[in-house]
Full PDB file with SEQRES, HELIX, SHEET, SSBOND, CRYST1, ORIGX, SCALE, CONECT and MASTER records, all heavy atoms in Angstrom:
SEQRES   1 A   41  GLY PHE LEU PRO VAL ASP GLY PRO SER SER VAL PRO GLU          
SEQRES   2 A   41  PRO ASN ALA LEU GLY TYR SER PRO GLU LEU LEU ASN LEU          
SEQRES   3 A   41  THR ARG ASN VAL ARG ILE GLU GLY THR ALA ALA GLY TYR          
SEQRES   4 A   41  ALA HIS                                                      
HELIX    1 AA1 PRO A    8  SER A   10  5                                   3    
CRYST1    1.000    1.000    1.000  90.00  90.00  90.00 P 1           1          
ORIGX1      1.000000  0.000000  0.000000        0.00000                         
ORIGX2      0.000000  1.000000  0.000000        0.00000                         
ORIGX3      0.000000  0.000000  1.000000        0.00000                         
SCALE1      1.000000  0.000000  0.000000        0.00000                         
SCALE2      0.000000  1.000000  0.000000        0.00000                         
SCALE3      0.000000  0.000000  1.000000        0.00000                         
ATOM      1  N   GLY A   1       5.587  -4.183  -1.829  1.00  0.00           N  
ATOM      2  CA  GLY A   1       4.859  -5.422  -1.570  1.00  0.00           C  
ATOM      3  C   GLY A   1       3.858  -5.795  -2.639  1.00  0.00           C  
ATOM      4  O   GLY A   1       2.639  -5.716  -2.432  1.00  0.00           O  
ATOM      5  N   PHE A   2       4.337  -6.225  -3.794  1.00  0.00           N  
ATOM      6  CA  PHE A   2       3.456  -6.682  -4.862  1.00  0.00           C  
ATOM      7  C   PHE A   2       3.087  -8.142  -4.599  1.00  0.00           C  
ATOM      8  O   PHE A   2       3.902  -9.043  -4.791  1.00  0.00           O  
ATOM      9  CB  PHE A   2       4.140  -6.535  -6.227  1.00  0.00           C  
ATOM     10  CG  PHE A   2       4.265  -5.105  -6.673  1.00  0.00           C  
ATOM     11  CD1 PHE A   2       5.341  -4.325  -6.255  1.00  0.00           C  
ATOM     12  CD2 PHE A   2       3.313  -4.538  -7.496  1.00  0.00           C  
ATOM     13  CE1 PHE A   2       5.455  -3.001  -6.665  1.00  0.00           C  
ATOM     14  CE2 PHE A   2       3.418  -3.222  -7.915  1.00  0.00           C  
ATOM     15  CZ  PHE A   2       4.486  -2.443  -7.489  1.00  0.00           C  
ATOM     16  N   LEU A   3       1.885  -8.386  -4.157  1.00  0.00           N  
ATOM     17  CA  LEU A   3       1.472  -9.715  -3.735  1.00  0.00           C  
ATOM     18  C   LEU A   3       0.848 -10.486  -4.897  1.00  0.00           C  
ATOM     19  O   LEU A   3       0.039  -9.939  -5.656  1.00  0.00           O  
ATOM     20  CB  LEU A   3       0.450  -9.612  -2.597  1.00  0.00           C  
ATOM     21  CG  LEU A   3       0.920  -8.875  -1.334  1.00  0.00           C  
ATOM     22  CD1 LEU A   3      -0.235  -8.758  -0.339  1.00  0.00           C  
ATOM     23  CD2 LEU A   3       2.106  -9.592  -0.713  1.00  0.00           C  
ATOM     24  N   PRO A   4       1.205 -11.772  -5.058  1.00  0.00           N  
ATOM     25  CA  PRO A   4       0.590 -12.568  -6.129  1.00  0.00           C  
ATOM     26  C   PRO A   4      -0.886 -12.807  -5.843  1.00  0.00           C  
ATOM     27  O   PRO A   4      -1.299 -12.996  -4.699  1.00  0.00           O  
ATOM     28  CB  PRO A   4       1.390 -13.878  -6.090  1.00  0.00           C  
ATOM     29  CG  PRO A   4       1.973 -13.949  -4.719  1.00  0.00           C  
ATOM     30  CD  PRO A   4       2.205 -12.540  -4.291  1.00  0.00           C  
ATOM     31  N   VAL A   5      -1.665 -12.803  -6.905  1.00  0.00           N  
ATOM     32  CA  VAL A   5      -3.111 -13.023  -6.816  1.00  0.00           C  
ATOM     33  C   VAL A   5      -3.483 -14.084  -7.841  1.00  0.00           C  
ATOM     34  O   VAL A   5      -3.158 -13.957  -9.020  1.00  0.00           O  
ATOM     35  CB  VAL A   5      -3.892 -11.719  -7.104  1.00  0.00           C  
ATOM     36  CG1 VAL A   5      -5.392 -11.976  -7.070  1.00  0.00           C  
ATOM     37  CG2 VAL A   5      -3.508 -10.630  -6.114  1.00  0.00           C  
ATOM     38  N   ASP A   6      -4.159 -15.141  -7.396  1.00  0.00           N  
ATOM     39  CA  ASP A   6      -4.525 -16.208  -8.332  1.00  0.00           C  
ATOM     40  C   ASP A   6      -6.031 -16.411  -8.440  1.00  0.00           C  
ATOM     41  O   ASP A   6      -6.501 -17.385  -9.025  1.00  0.00           O  
ATOM     42  CB  ASP A   6      -3.846 -17.517  -7.950  1.00  0.00           C  
ATOM     43  CG  ASP A   6      -4.168 -17.966  -6.525  1.00  0.00           C  
ATOM     44  OD1 ASP A   6      -5.109 -17.396  -5.913  1.00  0.00           O  
ATOM     45  OD2 ASP A   6      -3.495 -18.881  -6.028  1.00  0.00           O  
ATOM     46  N   GLY A   7      -6.791 -15.494  -7.877  1.00  0.00           N  
ATOM     47  CA  GLY A   7      -8.244 -15.591  -7.979  1.00  0.00           C  
ATOM     48  C   GLY A   7      -8.912 -14.582  -7.071  1.00  0.00           C  
ATOM     49  O   GLY A   7      -8.245 -13.884  -6.295  1.00  0.00           O  
ATOM     50  N   PRO A   8     -10.227 -14.486  -7.124  1.00  0.00           N  
ATOM     51  CA  PRO A   8     -10.930 -13.483  -6.324  1.00  0.00           C  
ATOM     52  C   PRO A   8     -10.694 -13.619  -4.832  1.00  0.00           C  
ATOM     53  O   PRO A   8     -10.666 -12.630  -4.094  1.00  0.00           O  
ATOM     54  CB  PRO A   8     -12.401 -13.705  -6.676  1.00  0.00           C  
ATOM     55  CG  PRO A   8     -12.450 -14.695  -7.756  1.00  0.00           C  
ATOM     56  CD  PRO A   8     -11.102 -15.268  -7.974  1.00  0.00           C  
ATOM     57  N   SER A   9     -10.492 -14.859  -4.373  1.00  0.00           N  
ATOM     58  CA  SER A   9     -10.338 -15.079  -2.931  1.00  0.00           C  
ATOM     59  C   SER A   9      -9.003 -14.579  -2.394  1.00  0.00           C  
ATOM     60  O   SER A   9      -8.855 -14.396  -1.182  1.00  0.00           O  
ATOM     61  CB  SER A   9     -10.500 -16.565  -2.601  1.00  0.00           C  
ATOM     62  OG  SER A   9      -9.499 -17.325  -3.257  1.00  0.00           O  
ATOM     63  N   SER A  10      -8.023 -14.357  -3.262  1.00  0.00           N  
ATOM     64  CA  SER A  10      -6.706 -13.909  -2.798  1.00  0.00           C  
ATOM     65  C   SER A  10      -6.461 -12.420  -3.038  1.00  0.00           C  
ATOM     66  O   SER A  10      -5.356 -11.935  -2.830  1.00  0.00           O  
ATOM     67  CB  SER A  10      -5.598 -14.739  -3.461  1.00  0.00           C  
ATOM     68  OG  SER A  10      -5.626 -14.593  -4.866  1.00  0.00           O  
ATOM     69  N   VAL A  11      -7.496 -11.701  -3.461  1.00  0.00           N  
ATOM     70  CA  VAL A  11      -7.365 -10.254  -3.620  1.00  0.00           C  
ATOM     71  C   VAL A  11      -7.313  -9.608  -2.230  1.00  0.00           C  
ATOM     72  O   VAL A  11      -8.194  -9.856  -1.405  1.00  0.00           O  
ATOM     73  CB  VAL A  11      -8.544  -9.679  -4.424  1.00  0.00           C  
ATOM     74  CG1 VAL A  11      -8.466  -8.154  -4.469  1.00  0.00           C  
ATOM     75  CG2 VAL A  11      -8.561 -10.253  -5.838  1.00  0.00           C  
ATOM     76  N   PRO A  12      -6.277  -8.812  -1.932  1.00  0.00           N  
ATOM     77  CA  PRO A  12      -6.199  -8.174  -0.613  1.00  0.00           C  
ATOM     78  C   PRO A  12      -7.410  -7.303  -0.325  1.00  0.00           C  
ATOM     79  O   PRO A  12      -8.010  -6.731  -1.226  1.00  0.00           O  
ATOM     80  CB  PRO A  12      -4.914  -7.326  -0.709  1.00  0.00           C  
ATOM     81  CG  PRO A  12      -4.110  -7.981  -1.778  1.00  0.00           C  
ATOM     82  CD  PRO A  12      -5.104  -8.503  -2.769  1.00  0.00           C  
ATOM     83  N   GLU A  13      -7.751  -7.227   0.944  1.00  0.00           N  
ATOM     84  CA  GLU A  13      -8.864  -6.389   1.366  1.00  0.00           C  
ATOM     85  C   GLU A  13      -8.517  -4.910   1.191  1.00  0.00           C  
ATOM     86  O   GLU A  13      -7.331  -4.536   1.130  1.00  0.00           O  
ATOM     87  CB  GLU A  13      -9.193  -6.670   2.827  1.00  0.00           C  
ATOM     88  CG  GLU A  13      -9.704  -8.080   3.092  1.00  0.00           C  
ATOM     89  CD  GLU A  13     -11.064  -8.333   2.451  1.00  0.00           C  
ATOM     90  OE1 GLU A  13     -11.849  -7.352   2.355  1.00  0.00           O  
ATOM     91  OE2 GLU A  13     -11.317  -9.470   2.034  1.00  0.00           O  
ATOM     92  N   PRO A  14      -9.521  -4.046   1.106  1.00  0.00           N  
ATOM     93  CA  PRO A  14      -9.245  -2.610   1.072  1.00  0.00           C  
ATOM     94  C   PRO A  14      -8.428  -2.174   2.277  1.00  0.00           C  
ATOM     95  O   PRO A  14      -8.497  -2.792   3.339  1.00  0.00           O  
ATOM     96  CB  PRO A  14     -10.642  -1.981   1.084  1.00  0.00           C  
ATOM     97  CG  PRO A  14     -11.531  -3.040   0.504  1.00  0.00           C  
ATOM     98  CD  PRO A  14     -10.954  -4.344   0.979  1.00  0.00           C  
ATOM     99  N   ASN A  15      -7.624  -1.129   2.107  1.00  0.00           N  
ATOM    100  CA  ASN A  15      -6.789  -0.662   3.217  1.00  0.00           C  
ATOM    101  C   ASN A  15      -7.625   0.136   4.225  1.00  0.00           C  
ATOM    102  O   ASN A  15      -8.855   0.270   4.084  1.00  0.00           O  
ATOM    103  CB  ASN A  15      -5.606   0.166   2.693  1.00  0.00           C  
ATOM    104  CG  ASN A  15      -6.050   1.422   1.963  1.00  0.00           C  
ATOM    105  OD1 ASN A  15      -7.169   1.910   2.125  1.00  0.00           O  
ATOM    106  ND2 ASN A  15      -5.162   1.966   1.140  1.00  0.00           N  
ATOM    107  N   ALA A  16      -6.941   0.665   5.223  1.00  0.00           N  
ATOM    108  CA  ALA A  16      -7.636   1.367   6.306  1.00  0.00           C  
ATOM    109  C   ALA A  16      -8.376   2.602   5.814  1.00  0.00           C  
ATOM    110  O   ALA A  16      -9.311   3.083   6.480  1.00  0.00           O  
ATOM    111  CB  ALA A  16      -6.629   1.756   7.387  1.00  0.00           C  
ATOM    112  N   LEU A  17      -7.989   3.108   4.644  1.00  0.00           N  
ATOM    113  CA  LEU A  17      -8.648   4.285   4.078  1.00  0.00           C  
ATOM    114  C   LEU A  17      -9.806   3.902   3.157  1.00  0.00           C  
ATOM    115  O   LEU A  17     -10.476   4.773   2.599  1.00  0.00           O  
ATOM    116  CB  LEU A  17      -7.631   5.130   3.305  1.00  0.00           C  
ATOM    117  CG  LEU A  17      -6.432   5.649   4.115  1.00  0.00           C  
ATOM    118  CD1 LEU A  17      -5.446   6.366   3.203  1.00  0.00           C  
ATOM    119  CD2 LEU A  17      -6.911   6.571   5.229  1.00  0.00           C  
ATOM    120  N   GLY A  18     -10.001   2.594   2.979  1.00  0.00           N  
ATOM    121  CA  GLY A  18     -11.096   2.127   2.142  1.00  0.00           C  
ATOM    122  C   GLY A  18     -10.755   1.919   0.681  1.00  0.00           C  
ATOM    123  O   GLY A  18     -11.651   1.636  -0.125  1.00  0.00           O  
ATOM    124  N   TYR A  19      -9.466   2.017   0.318  1.00  0.00           N  
ATOM    125  CA  TYR A  19      -9.057   1.873  -1.076  1.00  0.00           C  
ATOM    126  C   TYR A  19      -8.675   0.425  -1.395  1.00  0.00           C  
ATOM    127  O   TYR A  19      -7.865  -0.190  -0.690  1.00  0.00           O  
ATOM    128  CB  TYR A  19      -7.881   2.787  -1.393  1.00  0.00           C  
ATOM    129  CG  TYR A  19      -8.222   4.256  -1.310  1.00  0.00           C  
ATOM    130  CD1 TYR A  19      -7.743   5.040  -0.270  1.00  0.00           C  
ATOM    131  CD2 TYR A  19      -9.038   4.845  -2.261  1.00  0.00           C  
ATOM    132  CE1 TYR A  19      -8.055   6.386  -0.183  1.00  0.00           C  
ATOM    133  CE2 TYR A  19      -9.360   6.193  -2.195  1.00  0.00           C  
ATOM    134  CZ  TYR A  19      -8.873   6.963  -1.152  1.00  0.00           C  
ATOM    135  OH  TYR A  19      -9.191   8.288  -1.069  1.00  0.00           O  
ATOM    136  N   SER A  20      -9.239  -0.108  -2.471  1.00  0.00           N  
ATOM    137  CA  SER A  20      -8.874  -1.448  -2.927  1.00  0.00           C  
ATOM    138  C   SER A  20      -7.577  -1.388  -3.720  1.00  0.00           C  
ATOM    139  O   SER A  20      -7.258  -0.364  -4.323  1.00  0.00           O  
ATOM    140  CB  SER A  20      -9.982  -2.023  -3.814  1.00  0.00           C  
ATOM    141  OG  SER A  20     -11.192  -2.149  -3.104  1.00  0.00           O  
ATOM    142  N   PRO A  21      -6.810  -2.489  -3.760  1.00  0.00           N  
ATOM    143  CA  PRO A  21      -5.550  -2.470  -4.523  1.00  0.00           C  
ATOM    144  C   PRO A  21      -5.806  -2.557  -6.022  1.00  0.00           C  
ATOM    145  O   PRO A  21      -6.825  -3.097  -6.473  1.00  0.00           O  
ATOM    146  CB  PRO A  21      -4.834  -3.725  -4.021  1.00  0.00           C  
ATOM    147  CG  PRO A  21      -5.954  -4.657  -3.668  1.00  0.00           C  
ATOM    148  CD  PRO A  21      -7.037  -3.782  -3.097  1.00  0.00           C  
ATOM    149  N   GLU A  22      -4.882  -2.026  -6.792  1.00  0.00           N  
ATOM    150  CA  GLU A  22      -4.913  -2.209  -8.237  1.00  0.00           C  
ATOM    151  C   GLU A  22      -4.331  -3.573  -8.555  1.00  0.00           C  
ATOM    152  O   GLU A  22      -3.242  -3.928  -8.095  1.00  0.00           O  
ATOM    153  CB  GLU A  22      -4.113  -1.119  -8.933  1.00  0.00           C  
ATOM    154  CG  GLU A  22      -4.691   0.270  -8.759  1.00  0.00           C  
ATOM    155  CD  GLU A  22      -3.827   1.340  -9.390  1.00  0.00           C  
ATOM    156  OE1 GLU A  22      -2.626   1.061  -9.616  1.00  0.00           O  
ATOM    157  OE2 GLU A  22      -4.345   2.434  -9.657  1.00  0.00           O  
ATOM    158  N   LEU A  23      -5.040  -4.348  -9.353  1.00  0.00           N  
ATOM    159  CA  LEU A  23      -4.572  -5.664  -9.772  1.00  0.00           C  
ATOM    160  C   LEU A  23      -3.948  -5.538 -11.153  1.00  0.00           C  
ATOM    161  O   LEU A  23      -4.555  -4.997 -12.082  1.00  0.00           O  
ATOM    162  CB  LEU A  23      -5.738  -6.650  -9.805  1.00  0.00           C  
ATOM    163  CG  LEU A  23      -6.551  -6.759  -8.512  1.00  0.00           C  
ATOM    164  CD1 LEU A  23      -7.692  -7.767  -8.696  1.00  0.00           C  
ATOM    165  CD2 LEU A  23      -5.668  -7.150  -7.338  1.00  0.00           C  
ATOM    166  N   LEU A  24      -2.720  -6.029 -11.276  1.00  0.00           N  
ATOM    167  CA  LEU A  24      -1.954  -5.875 -12.509  1.00  0.00           C  
ATOM    168  C   LEU A  24      -1.722  -7.237 -13.158  1.00  0.00           C  
ATOM    169  O   LEU A  24      -1.162  -8.139 -12.524  1.00  0.00           O  
ATOM    170  CB  LEU A  24      -0.603  -5.215 -12.214  1.00  0.00           C  
ATOM    171  CG  LEU A  24      -0.628  -3.966 -11.325  1.00  0.00           C  
ATOM    172  CD1 LEU A  24       0.790  -3.487 -11.056  1.00  0.00           C  
ATOM    173  CD2 LEU A  24      -1.458  -2.860 -11.965  1.00  0.00           C  
ATOM    174  N   ASN A  25      -2.130  -7.387 -14.391  1.00  0.00           N  
ATOM    175  CA  ASN A  25      -1.869  -8.621 -15.131  1.00  0.00           C  
ATOM    176  C   ASN A  25      -0.557  -8.453 -15.887  1.00  0.00           C  
ATOM    177  O   ASN A  25      -0.450  -7.628 -16.803  1.00  0.00           O  
ATOM    178  CB  ASN A  25      -3.007  -8.912 -16.107  1.00  0.00           C  
ATOM    179  CG  ASN A  25      -2.849 -10.264 -16.785  1.00  0.00           C  
ATOM    180  OD1 ASN A  25      -1.758 -10.803 -16.877  1.00  0.00           O  
ATOM    181  ND2 ASN A  25      -3.951 -10.813 -17.269  1.00  0.00           N  
ATOM    182  N   LEU A  26       0.457  -9.242 -15.518  1.00  0.00           N  
ATOM    183  CA  LEU A  26       1.791  -9.107 -16.099  1.00  0.00           C  
ATOM    184  C   LEU A  26       2.033 -10.056 -17.275  1.00  0.00           C  
ATOM    185  O   LEU A  26       3.102 -10.016 -17.889  1.00  0.00           O  
ATOM    186  CB  LEU A  26       2.850  -9.361 -15.022  1.00  0.00           C  
ATOM    187  CG  LEU A  26       2.746  -8.504 -13.755  1.00  0.00           C  
ATOM    188  CD1 LEU A  26       3.871  -8.858 -12.789  1.00  0.00           C  
ATOM    189  CD2 LEU A  26       2.751  -7.025 -14.090  1.00  0.00           C  
ATOM    190  N   THR A  27       1.078 -10.907 -17.579  1.00  0.00           N  
ATOM    191  CA  THR A  27       1.271 -11.911 -18.625  1.00  0.00           C  
ATOM    192  C   THR A  27       0.971 -11.337 -20.001  1.00  0.00           C  
ATOM    193  O   THR A  27      -0.066 -10.714 -20.209  1.00  0.00           O  
ATOM    194  CB  THR A  27       0.373 -13.131 -18.368  1.00  0.00           C  
ATOM    195  OG1 THR A  27       0.767 -13.759 -17.149  1.00  0.00           O  
ATOM    196  CG2 THR A  27       0.480 -14.139 -19.503  1.00  0.00           C  
ATOM    197  N   ARG A  28       1.888 -11.547 -20.925  1.00  0.00           N  
ATOM    198  CA  ARG A  28       1.706 -11.173 -22.328  1.00  0.00           C  
ATOM    199  C   ARG A  28       2.226 -12.325 -23.188  1.00  0.00           C  
ATOM    200  O   ARG A  28       3.132 -13.060 -22.789  1.00  0.00           O  
ATOM    201  CB  ARG A  28       2.478  -9.890 -22.673  1.00  0.00           C  
ATOM    202  CG  ARG A  28       2.089  -8.687 -21.828  1.00  0.00           C  
ATOM    203  CD  ARG A  28       0.700  -8.171 -22.151  1.00  0.00           C  
ATOM    204  NE  ARG A  28       0.373  -6.970 -21.413  1.00  0.00           N  
ATOM    205  CZ  ARG A  28      -0.160  -6.942 -20.192  1.00  0.00           C  
ATOM    206  NH1 ARG A  28      -0.420  -8.075 -19.560  1.00  0.00           N  
ATOM    207  NH2 ARG A  28      -0.432  -5.789 -19.601  1.00  0.00           N  
ATOM    208  N   ASN A  29       1.690 -12.454 -24.384  1.00  0.00           N  
ATOM    209  CA  ASN A  29       2.169 -13.535 -25.247  1.00  0.00           C  
ATOM    210  C   ASN A  29       3.158 -13.060 -26.310  1.00  0.00           C  
ATOM    211  O   ASN A  29       3.508 -13.807 -27.217  1.00  0.00           O  
ATOM    212  CB  ASN A  29       1.010 -14.308 -25.883  1.00  0.00           C  
ATOM    213  CG  ASN A  29       0.165 -13.479 -26.829  1.00  0.00           C  
ATOM    214  OD1 ASN A  29       0.102 -12.251 -26.716  1.00  0.00           O  
ATOM    215  ND2 ASN A  29      -0.505 -14.137 -27.769  1.00  0.00           N  
ATOM    216  N   VAL A  30       3.641 -11.819 -26.169  1.00  0.00           N  
ATOM    217  CA  VAL A  30       4.833 -11.356 -26.896  1.00  0.00           C  
ATOM    218  C   VAL A  30       5.798 -10.852 -25.838  1.00  0.00           C  
ATOM    219  O   VAL A  30       5.434 -10.006 -25.011  1.00  0.00           O  
ATOM    220  CB  VAL A  30       4.498 -10.243 -27.906  1.00  0.00           C  
ATOM    221  CG1 VAL A  30       5.779  -9.665 -28.492  1.00  0.00           C  
ATOM    222  CG2 VAL A  30       3.619 -10.783 -29.032  1.00  0.00           C  
ATOM    223  N   ARG A  31       7.022 -11.385 -25.838  1.00  0.00           N  
ATOM    224  CA  ARG A  31       7.956 -11.118 -24.753  1.00  0.00           C  
ATOM    225  C   ARG A  31       9.363 -10.842 -25.287  1.00  0.00           C  
ATOM    226  O   ARG A  31       9.887 -11.597 -26.109  1.00  0.00           O  
ATOM    227  CB  ARG A  31       8.001 -12.310 -23.793  1.00  0.00           C  
ATOM    228  CG  ARG A  31       6.621 -12.702 -23.256  1.00  0.00           C  
ATOM    229  CD  ARG A  31       6.632 -14.034 -22.542  1.00  0.00           C  
ATOM    230  NE  ARG A  31       5.276 -14.412 -22.145  1.00  0.00           N  
ATOM    231  CZ  ARG A  31       4.948 -15.598 -21.631  1.00  0.00           C  
ATOM    232  NH1 ARG A  31       5.877 -16.543 -21.472  1.00  0.00           N  
ATOM    233  NH2 ARG A  31       3.686 -15.836 -21.296  1.00  0.00           N  
ATOM    234  N   ILE A  32       9.960  -9.772 -24.781  1.00  0.00           N  
ATOM    235  CA  ILE A  32      11.368  -9.457 -25.043  1.00  0.00           C  
ATOM    236  C   ILE A  32      12.046  -9.469 -23.682  1.00  0.00           C  
ATOM    237  O   ILE A  32      11.628  -8.750 -22.764  1.00  0.00           O  
ATOM    238  CB  ILE A  32      11.535  -8.064 -25.682  1.00  0.00           C  
ATOM    239  CG1 ILE A  32      10.669  -7.927 -26.941  1.00  0.00           C  
ATOM    240  CG2 ILE A  32      13.004  -7.794 -25.986  1.00  0.00           C  
ATOM    241  CD1 ILE A  32      11.089  -8.793 -28.084  1.00  0.00           C  
ATOM    242  N   GLU A  33      13.118 -10.266 -23.513  1.00  0.00           N  
ATOM    243  CA  GLU A  33      13.659 -10.409 -22.161  1.00  0.00           C  
ATOM    244  C   GLU A  33      15.104 -10.864 -22.145  1.00  0.00           C  
ATOM    245  O   GLU A  33      15.593 -11.497 -23.080  1.00  0.00           O  
ATOM    246  CB  GLU A  33      12.811 -11.406 -21.370  1.00  0.00           C  
ATOM    247  CG  GLU A  33      12.762 -12.803 -21.965  1.00  0.00           C  
ATOM    248  CD  GLU A  33      11.766 -13.712 -21.269  1.00  0.00           C  
ATOM    249  OE1 GLU A  33      10.777 -13.195 -20.706  1.00  0.00           O  
ATOM    250  OE2 GLU A  33      11.978 -14.943 -21.276  1.00  0.00           O  
ATOM    251  N   GLY A  34      15.778 -10.475 -21.040  1.00  0.00           N  
ATOM    252  CA  GLY A  34      17.036 -11.098 -20.688  1.00  0.00           C  
ATOM    253  C   GLY A  34      16.719 -12.240 -19.739  1.00  0.00           C  
ATOM    254  O   GLY A  34      15.682 -12.894 -19.866  1.00  0.00           O  
ATOM    255  N   THR A  35      17.602 -12.463 -18.755  1.00  0.00           N  
ATOM    256  CA  THR A  35      17.333 -13.453 -17.717  1.00  0.00           C  
ATOM    257  C   THR A  35      17.663 -12.835 -16.370  1.00  0.00           C  
ATOM    258  O   THR A  35      18.310 -11.786 -16.286  1.00  0.00           O  
ATOM    259  CB  THR A  35      18.180 -14.722 -17.913  1.00  0.00           C  
ATOM    260  OG1 THR A  35      19.565 -14.408 -17.680  1.00  0.00           O  
ATOM    261  CG2 THR A  35      18.022 -15.296 -19.313  1.00  0.00           C  
ATOM    262  N   ALA A  36      17.228 -13.498 -15.311  1.00  0.00           N  
ATOM    263  CA  ALA A  36      17.521 -12.998 -13.974  1.00  0.00           C  
ATOM    264  C   ALA A  36      19.024 -12.945 -13.723  1.00  0.00           C  
ATOM    265  O   ALA A  36      19.496 -12.128 -12.922  1.00  0.00           O  
ATOM    266  CB  ALA A  36      16.837 -13.873 -12.925  1.00  0.00           C  
ATOM    267  N   ALA A  37      19.790 -13.793 -14.426  1.00  0.00           N  
ATOM    268  CA  ALA A  37      21.239 -13.842 -14.229  1.00  0.00           C  
ATOM    269  C   ALA A  37      21.987 -12.842 -15.108  1.00  0.00           C  
ATOM    270  O   ALA A  37      23.176 -12.593 -14.890  1.00  0.00           O  
ATOM    271  CB  ALA A  37      21.755 -15.260 -14.510  1.00  0.00           C  
ATOM    272  N   GLY A  38      21.307 -12.261 -16.095  1.00  0.00           N  
ATOM    273  CA  GLY A  38      21.972 -11.322 -16.988  1.00  0.00           C  
ATOM    274  C   GLY A  38      20.948 -10.464 -17.699  1.00  0.00           C  
ATOM    275  O   GLY A  38      20.157 -10.970 -18.497  1.00  0.00           O  
ATOM    276  N   TYR A  39      20.959  -9.165 -17.382  1.00  0.00           N  
ATOM    277  CA  TYR A  39      19.979  -8.256 -17.955  1.00  0.00           C  
ATOM    278  C   TYR A  39      20.435  -7.768 -19.338  1.00  0.00           C  
ATOM    279  O   TYR A  39      21.604  -7.436 -19.525  1.00  0.00           O  
ATOM    280  CB  TYR A  39      19.771  -7.048 -17.040  1.00  0.00           C  
ATOM    281  CG  TYR A  39      18.870  -7.319 -15.856  1.00  0.00           C  
ATOM    282  CD1 TYR A  39      19.021  -8.463 -15.073  1.00  0.00           C  
ATOM    283  CD2 TYR A  39      17.873  -6.426 -15.499  1.00  0.00           C  
ATOM    284  CE1 TYR A  39      18.205  -8.713 -13.980  1.00  0.00           C  
ATOM    285  CE2 TYR A  39      17.045  -6.656 -14.410  1.00  0.00           C  
ATOM    286  CZ  TYR A  39      17.213  -7.803 -13.659  1.00  0.00           C  
ATOM    287  OH  TYR A  39      16.395  -8.036 -12.586  1.00  0.00           O  
ATOM    288  N   ALA A  40      19.495  -7.722 -20.284  1.00  0.00           N  
ATOM    289  CA  ALA A  40      19.755  -7.188 -21.624  1.00  0.00           C  
ATOM    290  C   ALA A  40      19.317  -5.725 -21.665  1.00  0.00           C  
ATOM    291  O   ALA A  40      19.116  -5.094 -20.627  1.00  0.00           O  
ATOM    292  CB  ALA A  40      19.002  -8.015 -22.660  1.00  0.00           C  
ATOM    293  N   HIS A  41      19.170  -5.182 -22.864  1.00  0.00           N  
ATOM    294  CA  HIS A  41      18.654  -3.829 -22.992  1.00  0.00           C  
ATOM    295  C   HIS A  41      17.926  -3.700 -24.321  1.00  0.00           C  
ATOM    296  O   HIS A  41      18.070  -4.535 -25.224  1.00  0.00           O  
ATOM    297  CB  HIS A  41      19.773  -2.779 -22.917  1.00  0.00           C  
ATOM    298  CG  HIS A  41      20.603  -2.700 -24.153  1.00  0.00           C  
ATOM    299  ND1 HIS A  41      20.462  -1.716 -25.095  1.00  0.00           N  
ATOM    300  CD2 HIS A  41      21.585  -3.525 -24.614  1.00  0.00           C  
ATOM    301  CE1 HIS A  41      21.325  -1.926 -26.084  1.00  0.00           C  
ATOM    302  NE2 HIS A  41      22.012  -3.007 -25.821  1.00  0.00           N  
TER     303      HIS A  41                                                      
MASTER        0    0    0    1    0    0    0    6  302    1    0    4          
END                                                                             
């Protein structure tokens, strides 16, 4: 369940154990990629 986050208000609350989620920034301005319809390597 990787949930999208677009600002502080959409950051999930800490879980029942008190741990906050790690927020991951996936955007980079150098990209090597295939497409969803055909994976490269």
